[in-house]
C-alpha atoms as a PDB file:
ATOM      1  CA  UNK A   1       4.605  -6.696 -11.293  1.00  0.00           C
ATOM      2  CA  UNK A   2       3.438  -6.241  -7.674  1.00  0.00           C
ATOM      3  CA  UNK A   3       3.021  -2.642  -7.813  1.00  0.00           C
ATOM      4  CA  UNK A   4       0.924  -3.050 -10.615  1.00  0.00           C
ATOM      5  CA  UNK A   5      -1.466  -5.584  -9.102  1.00  0.00           C
ATOM      6  CA  UNK A   6      -1.748  -3.601  -6.112  1.00  0.00           C
ATOM      7  CA  UNK A   7      -2.820  -0.396  -8.274  1.00  0.00           C
ATOM      8  CA  UNK A   8      -5.612  -2.683  -9.671  1.00  0.00           C
ATOM      9  CA  UNK A   9      -6.785  -3.879  -6.139  1.00  0.00           C
ATOM     10  CA  UNK A  10      -6.985  -0.095  -5.405  1.00  0.00           C
ATOM     11  CA  UNK A  11      -8.967   0.528  -8.194  1.00  0.00           C
ATOM     12  CA  UNK A  12     -11.459  -2.493  -7.432  1.00  0.00           C
ATOM     13  CA  UNK A  13     -11.553  -1.296  -3.864  1.00  0.00           C
ATOM     14  CA  UNK A  14     -12.862   1.995  -5.154  1.00  0.00           C
ATOM     15  CA  UNK A  15     -15.393   0.705  -6.898  1.00  0.00           C
ATOM     16  CA  UNK A  16     -16.665  -1.313  -4.502  1.00  0.00           C
ATOM     17  CA  UNK A  17     -16.942   1.820  -2.356  1.00  0.00           C
ATOM     18  CA  UNK A  18     -18.534   3.476  -4.960  1.00  0.00           C
ATOM     19  CA  UNK A  19     -21.219   0.617  -5.496  1.00  0.00           C
ATOM     20  CA  UNK A  20     -21.972   0.671  -1.792  1.00  0.00           C
ATOM     21  CA  UNK A  21     -22.264   4.304  -1.667  1.00  0.00           C
ATOM     22  CA  UNK A  22     -25.016   4.149  -4.482  1.00  0.00           C
ATOM     23  CA  UNK A  23     -26.625   1.402  -2.716  1.00  0.00           C
ATOM     24  CA  UNK A  24     -27.195   3.680   0.213  1.00  0.00           C
ATOM     25  CA  UNK A  25     -27.745   6.738  -1.451  1.00  0.00           C
ATOM     26  CA  UNK A  26     -30.735   5.094  -3.163  1.00  0.00           C
ATOM     27  CA  UNK A  27     -31.998   3.554   0.002  1.00  0.00           C
ATOM     28  CA  UNK A  28     -34.003   6.809   0.192  1.00  0.00           C
ATOM     29  CA  UNK A  29     -35.337   6.787  -3.187  1.00  0.00           C
ATOM     30  CA  UNK A  30     -39.030   7.565  -4.133  1.00  0.00           C
ATOM     31  CA  UNK A  31     -40.533   5.266  -7.000  1.00  0.00           C
ATOM     32  CA  UNK A  32     -43.485   7.427  -6.945  1.00  0.00           C
ATOM     33  CA  UNK A  33     -44.249  10.009  -9.569  1.00  0.00           C
ATOM     34  CA  UNK A  34     -45.200  13.032  -7.789  1.00  0.00           C
ATOM     35  CA  UNK A  35     -46.814  15.929 -10.000  1.00  0.00           C
ATOM     36  CA  UNK A  36     -49.260  17.617  -7.823  1.00  0.00           C
ATOM     37  CA  UNK A  37     -48.543  21.355  -6.822  1.00  0.00           C
ATOM     38  CA  UNK A  38     -48.624  20.221  -2.788  1.00  0.00           C
ATOM     39  CA  UNK A  39     -46.107  17.706  -3.296  1.00  0.00           C
ATOM     40  CA  UNK A  40     -43.389  20.610  -4.958  1.00  0.00           C
ATOM     41  CA  UNK A  41     -40.993  19.572  -1.942  1.00  0.00           C
ATOM     42  CA  UNK A  42     -40.832  16.273  -2.723  1.00  0.00           C
ATOM     43  CA  UNK A  43     -40.274  16.699  -6.284  1.00  0.00           C
ATOM     44  CA  UNK A  44     -37.255  18.753  -5.687  1.00  0.00           C
ATOM     45  CA  UNK A  45     -35.783  16.040  -3.636  1.00  0.00           C
ATOM     46  CA  UNK A  46     -36.570  13.279  -6.387  1.00  0.00           C
ATOM     47  CA  UNK A  47     -34.783  15.269  -8.954  1.00  0.00           C
ATOM     48  CA  UNK A  48     -31.921  15.981  -6.945  1.00  0.00           C
ATOM     49  CA  UNK A  49     -31.407  12.250  -5.933  1.00  0.00           C
ATOM     50  CA  UNK A  50     -31.903  11.268  -9.546  1.00  0.00           C
ATOM     51  CA  UNK A  51     -29.120  13.527 -10.620  1.00  0.00           C
ATOM     52  CA  UNK A  52     -26.949  12.180  -8.070  1.00  0.00           C
ATOM     53  CA  UNK A  53     -27.712   8.542  -8.830  1.00  0.00           C
ATOM     54  CA  UNK A  54     -27.319   9.389 -12.606  1.00  0.00           C
ATOM     55  CA  UNK A  55     -23.742  10.907 -11.410  1.00  0.00           C
ATOM     56  CA  UNK A  56     -22.781   7.719  -9.587  1.00  0.00           C
ATOM     57  CA  UNK A  57     -23.945   5.689 -12.277  1.00  0.00           C
ATOM     58  CA  UNK A  58     -21.718   7.366 -14.744  1.00  0.00           C
ATOM     59  CA  UNK A  59     -18.595   7.014 -12.655  1.00  0.00           C
ATOM     60  CA  UNK A  60     -19.571   3.654 -11.777  1.00  0.00           C
ATOM     61  CA  UNK A  61     -19.598   2.436 -15.556  1.00  0.00           C
ATOM     62  CA  UNK A  62     -16.538   4.380 -16.712  1.00  0.00           C
ATOM     63  CA  UNK A  63     -14.495   2.937 -13.387  1.00  0.00           C
ATOM     64  CA  UNK A  64     -16.205  -0.615 -14.058  1.00  0.00           C
ATOM     65  CA  UNK A  65     -14.533  -0.406 -17.726  1.00  0.00           C
ATOM     66  CA  UNK A  66     -11.131   0.944 -16.617  1.00  0.00           C
ATOM     67  CA  UNK A  67     -11.199  -1.878 -13.867  1.00  0.00           C
ATOM     68  CA  UNK A  68     -12.029  -4.689 -16.231  1.00  0.00           C
ATOM     69  CA  UNK A  69      -9.504  -3.486 -19.117  1.00  0.00           C
ATOM     70  CA  UNK A  70      -6.760  -2.837 -16.632  1.00  0.00           C
ATOM     71  CA  UNK A  71      -7.197  -6.244 -15.214  1.00  0.00           C
ATOM     72  CA  UNK A  72      -7.040  -7.764 -18.338  1.00  0.00           C
ATOM     73  CA  UNK A  73      -4.214  -6.084 -19.710  1.00  0.00           C
ATOM     74  CA  UNK A  74      -2.346  -7.298 -16.252  1.00  0.00           C
ATOM     75  CA  UNK A  75      -3.327 -10.720 -16.890  1.00  0.00           C
ATOM     76  CA  UNK A  76      -1.958 -10.580 -20.359  1.00  0.00           C
ATOM     77  CA  UNK A  77       1.133  -9.005 -19.030  1.00  0.00           C
ATOM     78  CA  UNK A  78       1.349 -11.674 -16.486  1.00  0.00           C
ATOM     79  CA  UNK A  79       0.854 -14.882 -18.847  1.00  0.00           C
ATOM     80  CA  UNK A  80       3.295 -13.542 -21.174  1.00  0.00           C
ATOM     81  CA  UNK A  81       5.893 -12.805 -18.835  1.00  0.00           C
ATOM     82  CA  UNK A  82       5.080 -16.356 -17.275  1.00  0.00           C
ATOM     83  CA  UNK A  83       5.576 -17.726 -21.042  1.00  0.00           C
ATOM     84  CA  UNK A  84       8.953 -15.806 -21.613  1.00  0.00           C
ATOM     85  CA  UNK A  85      10.219 -17.163 -18.256  1.00  0.00           C
ATOM     86  CA  UNK A  86       9.428 -20.897 -19.191  1.00  0.00           C
ATOM     87  CA  UNK A  87      11.315 -20.295 -22.813  1.00  0.00           C
ATOM     88  CA  UNK A  88      14.542 -19.877 -20.990  1.00  0.00           C
ATOM     89  CA  UNK A  89      16.941 -22.666 -21.356  1.00  0.00           C
ATOM     90  CA  UNK A  90      18.304 -23.806 -17.888  1.00  0.00           C
ATOM     91  CA  UNK A  91      22.022 -23.895 -18.154  1.00  0.00           C
END
């Protein structure tokens, strides 16, 4: 049981690190739309950052679903095991 809880804690920690990484990556985001020919370098940087953030968001969504689902399964298992233990007769 402890190993399962440690695995969930590791997954949750990875998710927190991913959120922090996204926050750091988005710090340099430029919200202004650049369309002029003279701003071609800025447009390339914006596109690359947008792709990076989309990738981070995709992984973040998947990992969030895994962490929540695994946590719920772990909670149900813990509650069931506690219920089973309370049903045992003491000699």
